[in-house]
């Protein structure tokens, strides 16, 4: 009977389930990170384009 348990007296399947949950958690965290990165990149692109357009508009008003 002791061969069914690991050194912590828990079933090997329970350890496997815990590992699967940890892997799923890491995948979810990675997914959140990638979505946040994509949103941040989009915000940078939007900001850069608006600054560039504002500079062009200012230069057109100064030099008609």
N, C-alpha and C. Protein backbone atom coordinates (compact mmCIF):
# COMPACT_ATOMS: atom_id res chain seq x y z
N UNK A 1 0.81 -1.18 0.00
CA UNK A 1 0.00 0.00 0.00
C UNK A 1 0.86 1.26 0.00
N UNK A 2 1.99 1.23 0.61
CA UNK A 2 2.84 2.42 0.65
C UNK A 2 3.41 2.76 -0.71
N UNK A 3 3.44 1.82 -1.66
CA UNK A 3 3.98 2.12 -2.99
C UNK A 3 3.03 2.98 -3.81
N UNK A 4 1.75 3.12 -3.41
CA UNK A 4 0.81 3.98 -4.11
C UNK A 4 1.00 5.44 -3.75
N UNK A 5 1.73 5.73 -2.71
CA UNK A 5 1.91 7.08 -2.23
C UNK A 5 3.34 7.54 -2.47
N UNK A 6 3.51 8.83 -2.70
CA UNK A 6 4.86 9.35 -2.82
C UNK A 6 5.41 9.63 -1.43
N UNK A 7 6.55 10.27 -1.34
CA UNK A 7 7.18 10.49 -0.04
C UNK A 7 6.40 11.45 0.85
N UNK A 8 5.41 12.17 0.29
CA UNK A 8 4.58 13.08 1.09
C UNK A 8 3.26 12.44 1.49
N UNK A 9 3.10 11.15 1.25
CA UNK A 9 1.88 10.41 1.55
C UNK A 9 0.66 10.96 0.80
N UNK A 10 0.85 11.40 -0.42
CA UNK A 10 -0.27 11.83 -1.26
C UNK A 10 -0.26 11.00 -2.53
N UNK A 11 -1.41 10.89 -3.13
CA UNK A 11 -1.53 10.10 -4.35
C UNK A 11 -0.81 10.80 -5.50
N UNK A 12 -0.18 10.06 -6.38
CA UNK A 12 0.51 10.67 -7.53
C UNK A 12 -0.44 11.46 -8.43
N UNK A 13 -1.68 11.02 -8.55
CA UNK A 13 -2.66 11.73 -9.38
C UNK A 13 -2.94 13.12 -8.87
N UNK A 14 -2.94 13.30 -7.56
CA UNK A 14 -3.18 14.62 -6.98
C UNK A 14 -2.05 15.58 -7.36
N UNK A 15 -0.84 15.07 -7.35
CA UNK A 15 0.31 15.89 -7.75
C UNK A 15 0.19 16.26 -9.22
N UNK A 16 -0.27 15.33 -10.03
CA UNK A 16 -0.44 15.59 -11.45
C UNK A 16 -1.52 16.64 -11.69
N UNK A 17 -2.61 16.57 -10.93
CA UNK A 17 -3.68 17.57 -11.07
C UNK A 17 -3.18 18.95 -10.66
N UNK A 18 -2.39 19.00 -9.61
CA UNK A 18 -1.83 20.28 -9.17
C UNK A 18 -0.90 20.84 -10.23
N UNK A 19 -0.09 20.00 -10.83
CA UNK A 19 0.82 20.42 -11.90
C UNK A 19 0.01 20.96 -13.08
N UNK A 20 -1.06 20.26 -13.45
CA UNK A 20 -1.90 20.71 -14.57
C UNK A 20 -2.51 22.08 -14.27
N UNK A 21 -2.95 22.28 -13.04
CA UNK A 21 -3.52 23.58 -12.67
C UNK A 21 -2.47 24.67 -12.72
N UNK A 22 -1.26 24.37 -12.29
CA UNK A 22 -0.19 25.36 -12.34
C UNK A 22 0.16 25.71 -13.78
N UNK A 23 0.21 24.71 -14.65
CA UNK A 23 0.49 24.96 -16.07
C UNK A 23 -0.62 25.81 -16.67
N UNK A 24 -1.88 25.49 -16.36
CA UNK A 24 -3.00 26.27 -16.89
C UNK A 24 -2.94 27.72 -16.38
N UNK A 25 -2.58 27.90 -15.12
CA UNK A 25 -2.44 29.24 -14.56
C UNK A 25 -1.35 30.02 -15.29
N UNK A 26 -0.22 29.37 -15.55
CA UNK A 26 0.87 30.04 -16.26
C UNK A 26 0.45 30.41 -17.68
N UNK A 27 -0.30 29.54 -18.33
CA UNK A 27 -0.79 29.85 -19.68
C UNK A 27 -1.74 31.04 -19.65
N UNK A 28 -2.62 31.07 -18.65
CA UNK A 28 -3.54 32.20 -18.53
C UNK A 28 -2.78 33.49 -18.27
N UNK A 29 -1.77 33.44 -17.42
CA UNK A 29 -0.97 34.62 -17.13
C UNK A 29 -0.24 35.10 -18.37
N UNK A 30 0.28 34.16 -19.15
CA UNK A 30 0.96 34.53 -20.39
C UNK A 30 -0.01 35.18 -21.37
N UNK A 31 -1.22 34.65 -21.45
CA UNK A 31 -2.23 35.21 -22.33
C UNK A 31 -2.58 36.64 -21.92
N UNK A 32 -2.74 36.86 -20.63
CA UNK A 32 -3.03 38.21 -20.13
C UNK A 32 -1.87 39.14 -20.46
N UNK A 33 -0.66 38.66 -20.24
CA UNK A 33 0.53 39.48 -20.54
C UNK A 33 0.57 39.87 -22.01
N UNK A 34 0.30 38.92 -22.90
CA UNK A 34 0.34 39.23 -24.33
C UNK A 34 -0.74 40.22 -24.73
N UNK A 35 -1.94 40.10 -24.13
CA UNK A 35 -3.00 41.06 -24.43
C UNK A 35 -2.64 42.45 -23.92
N UNK A 36 -2.06 42.53 -22.73
CA UNK A 36 -1.64 43.83 -22.19
C UNK A 36 -0.55 44.43 -23.06
N UNK A 37 0.38 43.61 -23.51
CA UNK A 37 1.46 44.10 -24.37
C UNK A 37 0.90 44.63 -25.68
N UNK A 38 -0.05 43.91 -26.27
CA UNK A 38 -0.65 44.35 -27.53
C UNK A 38 -1.40 45.67 -27.33
N UNK A 39 -2.11 45.81 -26.21
CA UNK A 39 -2.83 47.05 -25.93
C UNK A 39 -1.85 48.20 -25.74
N UNK A 40 -0.76 47.96 -25.03
CA UNK A 40 0.24 49.00 -24.81
C UNK A 40 0.90 49.40 -26.12
N UNK A 41 1.22 48.43 -26.96
CA UNK A 41 1.81 48.74 -28.26
C UNK A 41 0.86 49.58 -29.11
N UNK A 42 -0.43 49.25 -29.06
CA UNK A 42 -1.43 50.02 -29.80
C UNK A 42 -1.51 51.44 -29.26
N UNK A 43 -1.45 51.60 -27.96
CA UNK A 43 -1.48 52.94 -27.35
C UNK A 43 -0.25 53.75 -27.77
N UNK A 44 0.91 53.12 -27.80
CA UNK A 44 2.11 53.82 -28.26
C UNK A 44 1.98 54.25 -29.72
N UNK A 45 1.46 53.38 -30.56
CA UNK A 45 1.28 53.70 -31.97
C UNK A 45 0.31 54.88 -32.13
N UNK A 46 -0.79 54.82 -31.40
CA UNK A 46 -1.80 55.89 -31.46
C UNK A 46 -1.19 57.22 -31.00
N UNK A 47 -0.46 57.19 -29.90
CA UNK A 47 0.17 58.40 -29.37
C UNK A 47 1.19 58.95 -30.35
N UNK A 48 2.02 58.09 -30.89
CA UNK A 48 3.03 58.53 -31.86
C UNK A 48 2.39 59.17 -33.08
N UNK A 49 1.35 58.54 -33.60
CA UNK A 49 0.66 59.09 -34.78
C UNK A 49 0.03 60.43 -34.47
N UNK A 50 -0.56 60.59 -33.30
CA UNK A 50 -1.18 61.87 -32.94
C UNK A 50 -0.13 62.96 -32.76
N UNK A 51 1.00 62.64 -32.19
CA UNK A 51 2.06 63.63 -32.02
C UNK A 51 2.59 64.05 -33.39
N UNK A 52 2.78 63.07 -34.26
CA UNK A 52 3.28 63.36 -35.60
C UNK A 52 2.28 64.24 -36.37
N UNK A 53 0.99 63.93 -36.27
CA UNK A 53 -0.04 64.73 -36.94
C UNK A 53 -0.10 66.13 -36.35
N UNK A 54 0.04 66.25 -35.05
CA UNK A 54 0.01 67.57 -34.40
C UNK A 54 1.20 68.41 -34.85
N UNK A 55 2.36 67.80 -34.99
CA UNK A 55 3.54 68.53 -35.48
C UNK A 55 3.32 69.00 -36.91
N UNK A 56 2.73 68.16 -37.73
CA UNK A 56 2.47 68.55 -39.12
C UNK A 56 1.46 69.68 -39.19
N UNK A 57 0.43 69.63 -38.37
CA UNK A 57 -0.60 70.66 -38.35
C UNK A 57 -0.01 71.98 -37.87
N UNK A 58 0.82 71.92 -36.83
CA UNK A 58 1.47 73.14 -36.33
C UNK A 58 2.36 73.77 -37.37
N UNK A 59 3.12 72.95 -38.09
CA UNK A 59 4.02 73.49 -39.10
C UNK A 59 3.25 74.08 -40.27
N UNK A 60 2.09 73.53 -40.60
CA UNK A 60 1.26 74.08 -41.69
C UNK A 60 0.69 75.43 -41.29
N UNK A 61 0.33 75.61 -40.01
CA UNK A 61 -0.23 76.88 -39.54
C UNK A 61 0.86 77.95 -39.45
N UNK A 62 2.06 77.56 -39.12
CA UNK A 62 3.15 78.53 -39.00
C UNK A 62 3.67 78.98 -40.35
N UNK A 63 3.69 78.07 -41.32
CA UNK A 63 4.22 78.36 -42.66
C UNK A 63 3.14 78.11 -43.70
N UNK A 64 2.23 79.04 -43.90
CA UNK A 64 1.15 78.80 -44.89
C UNK A 64 1.62 78.84 -46.31
